[in-house]
């Protein structure tokens, strides 16, 4: 919560008319009405009292692009913990201002409004960048009219509470802050859920738990995992790959110090996503394998390549034409072959099953079926799969073989 401060109506009146575009911000975390900052490499962001957090325009790797965001200002990588305008970068010369009647307003270099904090019904007295990482827009009686903690993006911080119905969204990739999970706003099947919870609480000690409706606690952080907030920074982020992770970062650090995971959910993102809709942890036709850091690695199978070469977590396209032309059907065994993949499956792409079946029967049936992209053999059961393949995983829980069909003429391309 913001601290109350004295103010004078005459001073505010003069400030609004004499300093409408001032770029001066108080060093104690307070931001006066009429203050603004510009997206460039010169303006100082709005800092929290201790300087731990900054609110403003964070330069991105692309030249002349900036992200309206809140970030850990002191640590070397300046980790972003909140972003506005749906994560869309803005160009140099864009401006963020604090207004008396509209709250925070983001405009482009031509002055066109791009984004604002939710509608403000009362006059704004000031803004405040807290040392918790929460930016608040405050009324004259110290009531918060808007706060970043109640409008989270992909991250929660200590002292933050998410109420029932609250949402955080992953970004599209490590460097693309656009919403990356469900752009249609239609919720696919959950891969992690906890019934009867109505609050997710991240307390000031770094302890995170779910509070149920009957006032019971379900701990996400255990006491053995706890790294004191007196000595460490904390955050909990829904990563772009769908893994929700709590991290800590020592407050005493050098350039080699990084965020370290404390816990994450789900335990295995590759196999825990089982929905019949969507691509899974990786893109369509891709294969997900959990790495040593419990994060997914994605790869295209033989005969396939990335649809977007810059997105290794994206979908894979076949490097050959799959069709049911007469010539393809009549010479199927001459032009097609298989690559055998151990413990690999796309469990939601079945369209036909054969029981009992041998490996020979399995391959022959698939190679002569122009719709079959891959055949799965587990024990004496056999499944045919068609494109696009979804929820691909390479894991011992599969306990079977995948026969991936490709055209022999494409061997030179692999």
Protein backbone atom coordinates (compact mmCIF):
# COMPACT_ATOMS: atom_id res chain seq x y z
CA UNK A 1 0.00 0.00 0.00
CA UNK A 2 1.16 3.53 -0.67
CA UNK A 3 2.05 5.79 2.23
CA UNK A 4 -0.09 8.88 2.79
CA UNK A 5 1.56 12.25 2.13
CA UNK A 6 0.36 15.85 2.61
CA UNK A 7 -0.63 17.75 -0.49
CA UNK A 8 -1.98 21.19 -1.29
CA UNK A 9 -4.80 21.90 -3.69
CA UNK A 10 -3.14 25.07 -4.90
CA UNK A 11 0.11 23.23 -5.58
CA UNK A 12 -1.70 20.50 -7.51
CA UNK A 13 -3.64 23.11 -9.48
CA UNK A 14 -0.44 24.88 -10.51
CA UNK A 15 1.29 21.57 -11.24
CA UNK A 16 -1.42 20.45 -13.62
CA UNK A 17 -1.26 23.62 -15.67
CA UNK A 18 2.38 24.58 -15.45
CA UNK A 19 4.07 21.16 -15.58
CA UNK A 20 1.82 18.89 -17.68
CA UNK A 21 4.74 17.08 -19.31
CA UNK A 22 7.38 17.23 -16.61
CA UNK A 23 9.85 14.36 -16.63
CA UNK A 24 10.90 14.97 -13.03
CA UNK A 25 9.96 12.20 -10.58
CA UNK A 26 10.49 12.17 -6.83
CA UNK A 27 13.27 9.91 -5.60
CA UNK A 28 11.13 8.56 -2.73
CA UNK A 29 8.94 6.47 -5.05
CA UNK A 30 6.25 9.13 -5.43
CA UNK A 31 5.16 10.19 -8.94
CA UNK A 32 3.30 13.49 -9.17
CA UNK A 33 0.26 14.03 -11.38
CA UNK A 34 1.46 15.61 -14.61
CA UNK A 35 4.74 13.70 -14.60
CA UNK A 36 5.70 11.82 -17.75
CA UNK A 37 8.60 9.80 -19.10
CA UNK A 38 9.58 9.19 -22.71
CA UNK A 39 10.76 6.02 -24.40
CA UNK A 40 14.40 6.74 -25.10
CA UNK A 41 17.77 5.93 -23.59
CA UNK A 42 17.95 9.13 -21.55
CA UNK A 43 14.90 9.41 -19.29
CA UNK A 44 15.25 7.90 -15.82
CA UNK A 45 12.48 5.40 -14.94
CA UNK A 46 10.31 5.85 -11.85
CA UNK A 47 12.24 4.11 -9.07
CA UNK A 48 11.00 2.62 -5.82
CA UNK A 49 12.39 4.24 -2.62
CA UNK A 50 15.27 1.77 -2.30
CA UNK A 51 15.83 1.60 -6.06
CA UNK A 52 15.09 -2.14 -6.21
CA UNK A 53 12.29 -1.72 -8.77
CA UNK A 54 11.87 0.56 -11.75
CA UNK A 55 8.77 1.47 -13.78
CA UNK A 56 9.18 2.88 -17.25
CA UNK A 57 10.39 1.94 -20.70
CA UNK A 58 12.77 -1.01 -20.87
CA UNK A 59 14.92 -1.06 -24.04
CA UNK A 60 14.58 -4.27 -26.05
CA UNK A 61 17.12 -6.01 -28.27
CA UNK A 62 15.45 -4.59 -31.38
CA UNK A 63 16.69 -1.08 -32.11
CA UNK A 64 14.42 1.78 -31.07
CA UNK A 65 11.83 -0.51 -29.41
CA UNK A 66 10.85 -0.29 -25.74
CA UNK A 67 8.55 -2.22 -23.41
CA UNK A 68 6.39 -0.43 -20.84
CA UNK A 69 7.25 -2.48 -17.79
CA UNK A 70 8.30 -2.89 -14.16
CA UNK A 71 11.62 -4.62 -13.57
CA UNK A 72 14.17 -5.54 -10.90
CA UNK A 73 16.43 -2.53 -11.36
CA UNK A 74 19.41 -3.54 -9.21
CA UNK A 75 20.29 -6.99 -10.52
CA UNK A 76 22.41 -7.40 -13.69
CA UNK A 77 19.73 -8.87 -15.98
CA UNK A 78 17.06 -6.38 -14.78
CA UNK A 79 14.31 -9.02 -14.88
CA UNK A 80 10.91 -7.77 -16.06
CA UNK A 81 8.06 -8.65 -13.67
CA UNK A 82 5.13 -6.71 -15.21
CA UNK A 83 4.37 -5.17 -18.58
CA UNK A 84 1.59 -3.03 -20.02
CA UNK A 85 -0.06 -2.61 -23.42
CA UNK A 86 -0.40 -6.40 -23.74
CA UNK A 87 3.36 -6.76 -24.07
CA UNK A 88 3.48 -4.91 -27.39
CA UNK A 89 6.74 -2.93 -27.84
CA UNK A 90 6.51 0.80 -28.53
CA UNK A 91 8.76 3.00 -30.62
CA UNK A 92 11.20 5.61 -29.44
CA UNK A 93 9.43 8.83 -28.49
CA UNK A 94 6.38 7.11 -26.96
CA UNK A 95 5.31 8.62 -23.65
CA UNK A 96 3.82 7.48 -20.35
CA UNK A 97 2.12 10.10 -18.21
CA UNK A 98 0.18 10.18 -14.94
CA UNK A 99 -3.01 12.20 -15.38
CA UNK A 100 -5.55 13.43 -12.84
CA UNK A 101 -8.62 11.97 -14.56
CA UNK A 102 -7.37 8.96 -16.54
CA UNK A 103 -4.54 7.57 -14.44
CA UNK A 104 -1.61 6.16 -16.40
CA UNK A 105 -1.77 6.93 -20.12
CA UNK A 106 0.58 5.53 -22.77
CA UNK A 107 0.72 7.40 -26.08
CA UNK A 108 2.72 7.02 -29.28
CA UNK A 109 5.11 9.71 -30.58
CA UNK A 110 2.19 11.40 -32.37
CA UNK A 111 0.19 11.64 -29.14
CA UNK A 112 -2.32 8.88 -29.95
CA UNK A 113 -3.45 6.95 -26.88
CA UNK A 114 -2.27 3.31 -26.90
CA UNK A 115 -3.10 2.12 -23.38
CA UNK A 116 -4.30 3.39 -20.02
CA UNK A 117 -4.88 1.99 -16.57
CA UNK A 118 -8.51 1.00 -15.97
CA UNK A 119 -11.10 3.82 -15.95
CA UNK A 120 -10.55 6.21 -13.03
CA UNK A 121 -13.77 7.49 -11.39
CA UNK A 122 -12.05 9.76 -8.88
CA UNK A 123 -9.26 12.29 -9.22
CA UNK A 124 -5.75 10.91 -8.99
CA UNK A 125 -3.53 12.46 -6.29
CA UNK A 126 -0.24 10.73 -7.10
CA UNK A 127 1.41 7.46 -8.09
CA UNK A 128 3.79 5.39 -6.03
CA UNK A 129 6.39 2.77 -6.99
CA UNK A 130 6.61 0.44 -3.99
CA UNK A 131 9.67 -1.56 -2.95
CA UNK A 132 7.43 -4.64 -3.34
CA UNK A 133 7.29 -4.07 -7.11
CA UNK A 134 3.68 -2.83 -6.99
CA UNK A 135 2.95 0.46 -8.75
CA UNK A 136 -0.20 2.13 -7.43
CA UNK A 137 -2.33 5.05 -8.58
CA UNK A 138 -3.63 6.74 -5.42
CA UNK A 139 -6.56 8.97 -4.46
CA UNK A 140 -6.16 11.88 -2.03
CA UNK A 141 -7.40 9.74 0.90
CA UNK A 142 -4.72 7.10 0.15
CA UNK A 143 -7.16 4.67 -1.51
CA UNK A 144 -5.57 2.79 -4.40
CA UNK A 145 -7.49 3.43 -7.62
CA UNK A 146 -5.32 1.07 -9.67
CA UNK A 147 -2.33 -1.16 -8.96
CA UNK A 148 -0.11 -3.42 -11.02
CA UNK A 149 -0.47 -6.25 -8.46
CA UNK A 150 -4.18 -6.49 -9.30
CA UNK A 151 -3.44 -6.49 -13.01
CA UNK A 152 -0.63 -9.08 -13.22
CA UNK A 153 0.95 -10.31 -16.43
CA UNK A 154 3.17 -13.41 -16.12
CA UNK A 155 4.72 -12.91 -12.66
CA UNK A 156 3.78 -12.73 -8.97
CA UNK A 157 5.95 -11.12 -6.28
CA UNK A 158 6.09 -11.40 -2.46
CA UNK A 159 3.09 -9.67 -0.75
CA UNK A 160 0.98 -10.23 -3.89
CA UNK A 161 -2.36 -12.08 -3.65
CA UNK A 162 -4.30 -13.54 -6.56
CA UNK A 163 -8.02 -13.81 -5.92
CA UNK A 164 -10.36 -16.45 -7.36
CA UNK A 165 -10.81 -15.68 -11.04
CA UNK A 166 -7.42 -13.98 -11.29
CA UNK A 167 -5.27 -14.80 -14.29
CA UNK A 168 -1.64 -14.63 -15.30
CA UNK A 169 -0.58 -15.39 -18.87
CA UNK A 170 2.67 -16.67 -20.27
CA UNK A 171 4.48 -14.65 -22.90
CA UNK A 172 4.96 -15.98 -26.42
CA UNK A 173 8.70 -16.58 -26.04
CA UNK A 174 11.65 -15.54 -23.89
CA UNK A 175 11.92 -12.23 -25.75
CA UNK A 176 8.38 -11.80 -27.13
CA UNK A 177 6.04 -10.48 -24.44
CA UNK A 178 2.81 -10.92 -26.41
CA UNK A 179 0.35 -13.32 -24.81
CA UNK A 180 1.52 -16.81 -25.64
CA UNK A 181 -0.89 -19.35 -24.17
CA UNK A 182 -4.49 -18.95 -25.37
CA UNK A 183 -4.93 -16.00 -27.69
CA UNK A 184 -8.53 -17.07 -28.43
CA UNK A 185 -9.43 -16.80 -24.70
CA UNK A 186 -10.94 -20.29 -24.94
CA UNK A 187 -9.55 -22.40 -22.11
CA UNK A 188 -8.19 -25.78 -23.13
CA UNK A 189 -7.97 -28.66 -20.67
CA UNK A 190 -6.01 -27.80 -17.52
CA UNK A 191 -2.69 -29.61 -17.04
CA UNK A 192 -2.45 -28.47 -13.42
CA UNK A 193 -5.38 -27.65 -11.16
CA UNK A 194 -6.32 -27.30 -7.51
CA UNK A 195 -9.98 -27.44 -6.60
CA UNK A 196 -11.61 -25.31 -3.86
CA UNK A 197 -8.80 -22.75 -3.73
CA UNK A 198 -9.85 -19.11 -3.74
CA UNK A 199 -6.57 -17.27 -3.12
CA UNK A 200 -2.96 -17.75 -4.16
CA UNK A 201 -0.84 -15.96 -1.56
CA UNK A 202 2.80 -15.01 -1.96
CA UNK A 203 3.68 -13.71 1.49
CA UNK A 204 6.46 -11.32 2.47
CA UNK A 205 8.70 -14.18 3.62
CA UNK A 206 8.81 -15.73 0.15
CA UNK A 207 6.37 -18.47 1.12
CA UNK A 208 3.73 -19.28 -1.50
CA UNK A 209 0.52 -21.20 -0.81
CA UNK A 210 -3.09 -21.71 -1.86
CA UNK A 211 -5.81 -20.79 0.64
CA UNK A 212 -8.96 -22.88 0.28
CA UNK A 213 -12.53 -21.76 0.92
CA UNK A 214 -12.60 -23.57 4.26
CA UNK A 215 -9.43 -21.71 5.31
CA UNK A 216 -7.09 -24.64 4.76
CA UNK A 217 -3.62 -24.06 3.30
CA UNK A 218 -1.99 -25.98 0.50
CA UNK A 219 1.71 -25.15 0.45
CA UNK A 220 3.46 -24.58 -2.85
CA UNK A 221 6.71 -23.58 -1.14
CA UNK A 222 7.89 -25.86 1.66
CA UNK A 223 9.89 -24.65 4.64
CA UNK A 224 12.92 -26.66 3.48
CA UNK A 225 12.84 -24.66 0.21
CA UNK A 226 12.61 -21.24 1.79
CA UNK A 227 15.32 -18.70 1.03
CA UNK A 228 14.74 -15.68 3.31
CA UNK A 229 13.52 -12.50 1.60
CA UNK A 230 15.85 -10.54 3.88
CA UNK A 231 18.73 -12.00 1.86
CA UNK A 232 17.09 -12.87 -1.48
CA UNK A 233 14.79 -11.45 -4.13
CA UNK A 234 11.87 -13.68 -5.16
CA UNK A 235 9.48 -14.04 -8.07
CA UNK A 236 7.06 -16.69 -9.37
CA UNK A 237 6.63 -16.70 -13.15
CA UNK A 238 4.47 -18.59 -15.61
CA UNK A 239 7.22 -19.19 -18.15
CA UNK A 240 6.56 -19.06 -21.89
CA UNK A 241 6.78 -22.87 -22.01
CA UNK A 242 3.90 -23.25 -19.52
CA UNK A 243 5.95 -24.12 -16.41
CA UNK A 244 5.04 -22.07 -13.32
CA UNK A 245 8.23 -21.61 -11.28
CA UNK A 246 9.26 -19.80 -8.10
CA UNK A 247 12.81 -18.41 -8.21
CA UNK A 248 15.19 -16.71 -5.80
CA UNK A 249 18.12 -14.37 -6.48
CA UNK A 250 20.65 -13.39 -3.78
CA UNK A 251 20.68 -9.69 -2.91
CA UNK A 252 24.47 -9.94 -2.68
CA UNK A 253 25.58 -10.86 -6.17
CA UNK A 254 28.10 -10.54 -8.96
CA UNK A 255 27.58 -10.60 -12.72
CA UNK A 256 27.44 -14.39 -12.69
CA UNK A 257 24.58 -14.61 -10.20
CA UNK A 258 21.31 -15.81 -11.72
CA UNK A 259 17.77 -16.69 -10.72
CA UNK A 260 17.59 -20.22 -9.26
CA UNK A 261 14.39 -22.32 -9.30
CA UNK A 262 12.92 -23.30 -5.92
CA UNK A 263 9.97 -25.37 -7.21
CA UNK A 264 7.84 -25.65 -10.32
CA UNK A 265 4.50 -27.01 -11.52
CA UNK A 266 3.85 -29.25 -13.32
CA UNK A 267 6.62 -31.70 -12.58
CA UNK A 268 6.86 -32.79 -16.23
CA UNK A 269 5.26 -30.36 -18.68
CA UNK A 270 5.91 -32.71 -21.62
CA UNK A 271 3.64 -35.48 -20.35
CA UNK A 272 1.25 -33.55 -18.09
CA UNK A 273 -0.41 -31.73 -20.99
CA UNK A 274 -2.96 -34.21 -22.30
CA UNK A 275 -5.71 -32.03 -23.78
CA UNK A 276 -7.38 -33.01 -27.04
CA UNK A 277 -7.03 -29.43 -28.32
CA UNK A 278 -3.90 -27.37 -28.79
CA UNK A 279 -0.39 -28.41 -29.72
CA UNK A 280 0.97 -29.28 -26.26
CA UNK A 281 4.14 -27.95 -24.65
CA UNK A 282 5.80 -27.73 -28.07
CA UNK A 283 4.29 -26.90 -31.45
CA UNK A 284 2.34 -29.22 -33.75
CA UNK A 285 4.36 -32.17 -35.12
CA UNK A 286 7.15 -31.44 -32.62
CA UNK A 287 8.56 -33.67 -29.88
CA UNK A 288 8.96 -32.49 -26.28
CA UNK A 289 11.69 -33.87 -24.00
CA UNK A 290 12.32 -32.66 -20.45
CA UNK A 291 15.85 -31.37 -19.90
CA UNK A 292 18.00 -31.51 -16.77
CA UNK A 293 16.46 -28.23 -15.53
CA UNK A 294 12.92 -29.67 -15.80
CA UNK A 295 12.14 -27.43 -18.74
CA UNK A 296 11.01 -28.66 -22.18
CA UNK A 297 13.31 -29.02 -25.15
CA UNK A 298 11.51 -29.26 -28.50
CA UNK A 299 12.73 -30.85 -31.73
CA UNK A 300 11.32 -31.70 -35.13
CA UNK A 301 11.27 -35.37 -36.19
CA UNK A 302 13.17 -36.58 -39.24
CA UNK A 303 11.69 -35.18 -42.43
CA UNK A 304 10.28 -32.10 -40.68
CA UNK A 305 11.61 -28.58 -40.06
CA UNK A 306 10.53 -25.58 -38.03
CA UNK A 307 7.70 -23.52 -39.46
CA UNK A 308 9.40 -20.46 -37.93
CA UNK A 309 13.16 -20.90 -37.80
CA UNK A 310 13.40 -18.34 -34.99
CA UNK A 311 11.02 -20.23 -32.68
CA UNK A 312 12.45 -23.56 -31.56
CA UNK A 313 9.31 -24.16 -29.47
CA UNK A 314 7.03 -23.74 -32.47
CA UNK A 315 5.38 -26.10 -34.93
CA UNK A 316 7.19 -28.33 -37.44
CA UNK A 317 6.21 -28.73 -41.10
CA UNK A 318 6.86 -31.79 -43.25
CA UNK A 319 9.56 -31.35 -45.90
CA UNK A 320 7.53 -33.46 -48.29
CA UNK A 321 4.01 -33.44 -49.68
CA UNK A 322 1.71 -35.88 -47.96
CA UNK A 323 -1.17 -36.77 -50.24
CA UNK A 324 -3.40 -39.45 -51.65
CA UNK A 325 -2.62 -39.12 -55.36
CA UNK A 326 -2.94 -42.34 -57.34
CA UNK A 327 0.81 -42.58 -57.97
CA UNK A 328 1.54 -42.19 -54.24
CA UNK A 329 -0.90 -44.93 -53.34
CA UNK A 330 0.24 -47.42 -56.00
CA UNK A 331 3.93 -47.05 -55.14
CA UNK A 332 3.64 -46.34 -51.41
CA UNK A 333 6.15 -49.02 -50.32
CA UNK A 334 8.70 -47.85 -52.89
CA UNK A 335 8.65 -44.14 -52.06
CA UNK A 336 8.14 -44.22 -48.26
CA UNK A 337 10.17 -45.47 -45.34
CA UNK A 338 10.18 -45.20 -41.53
CA UNK A 339 12.38 -43.85 -38.79
CA UNK A 340 11.95 -45.68 -35.49
CA UNK A 341 11.67 -43.47 -32.39
CA UNK A 342 11.84 -45.10 -28.96
CA UNK A 343 9.46 -43.96 -26.18
CA UNK A 344 7.90 -41.31 -28.42
CA UNK A 345 4.19 -40.62 -28.92
CA UNK A 346 1.58 -38.04 -29.90
CA UNK A 347 -1.25 -39.47 -27.80
CA UNK A 348 -4.12 -37.31 -29.02
CA UNK A 349 -3.74 -37.73 -32.79
CA UNK A 350 -5.15 -41.29 -33.21
CA UNK A 351 -7.66 -42.10 -35.90
CA UNK A 352 -7.43 -45.91 -36.07
CA UNK A 353 -6.35 -48.80 -33.82
CA UNK A 354 -5.46 -52.44 -34.56
CA UNK A 355 -5.25 -55.18 -31.91
CA UNK A 356 -3.41 -57.54 -31.96
CA UNK A 357 -0.64 -56.37 -34.28
CA UNK A 358 3.00 -57.09 -34.96
CA UNK A 359 5.64 -54.57 -35.98
CA UNK A 360 5.48 -55.82 -39.58
CA UNK A 361 1.69 -55.47 -39.70
CA UNK A 362 1.94 -52.05 -38.09
CA UNK A 363 4.39 -50.68 -40.65
CA UNK A 364 2.64 -52.24 -43.65
CA UNK A 365 -0.72 -50.82 -42.62
CA UNK A 366 0.69 -47.31 -42.16
CA UNK A 367 2.86 -47.23 -45.29
CA UNK A 368 -0.09 -48.15 -47.48
CA UNK A 369 -2.40 -45.61 -45.83
CA UNK A 370 -1.92 -42.18 -47.40
CA UNK A 371 -3.38 -40.49 -44.28
CA UNK A 372 -0.98 -42.18 -41.85
CA UNK A 373 1.93 -39.98 -40.72
CA UNK A 374 3.17 -42.12 -37.84
CA UNK A 375 2.34 -45.49 -36.30
CA UNK A 376 2.68 -46.29 -32.59
CA UNK A 377 3.28 -49.83 -31.34
CA UNK A 378 2.90 -50.59 -27.64
CA UNK A 379 2.81 -54.27 -26.71
CA UNK A 380 0.55 -55.85 -29.32
CA UNK A 381 -1.56 -52.72 -29.83
CA UNK A 382 -1.07 -50.39 -32.78
CA UNK A 383 -2.38 -46.84 -33.42
CA UNK A 384 -2.33 -44.77 -36.60
CA UNK A 385 -1.80 -40.99 -36.32
CA UNK A 386 -2.57 -38.22 -38.80
CA UNK A 387 -1.27 -34.69 -39.22
CA UNK A 388 -1.10 -32.37 -37.45
CA UNK A 389 0.40 -34.33 -34.57
CA UNK A 390 -0.12 -32.83 -31.12
CA UNK A 391 1.21 -33.29 -27.57
CA UNK A 392 4.40 -34.97 -28.79
CA UNK A 393 6.64 -36.34 -26.05
CA UNK A 394 9.85 -38.35 -25.72
CA UNK A 395 9.68 -39.97 -22.29
CA UNK A 396 10.04 -43.39 -20.66
CA UNK A 397 6.38 -43.31 -19.58
CA UNK A 398 5.44 -43.85 -23.23
CA UNK A 399 6.93 -47.35 -23.20
CA UNK A 400 6.49 -47.93 -26.92
CA UNK A 401 7.83 -47.31 -30.41
CA UNK A 402 6.89 -44.72 -33.01
CA UNK A 403 7.39 -45.45 -36.72
CA UNK A 404 7.66 -42.04 -38.38
CA UNK A 405 6.88 -42.16 -42.10
CA UNK A 406 8.88 -40.06 -44.56
CA UNK A 407 9.51 -40.04 -48.31
CA UNK A 408 12.78 -41.61 -49.41
CA UNK A 409 13.27 -38.85 -51.96
CA UNK A 410 13.75 -36.43 -49.09
CA UNK A 411 16.73 -38.24 -47.62
CA UNK A 412 19.09 -35.67 -49.13
CA UNK A 413 17.22 -32.90 -47.28
CA UNK A 414 17.50 -34.47 -43.81
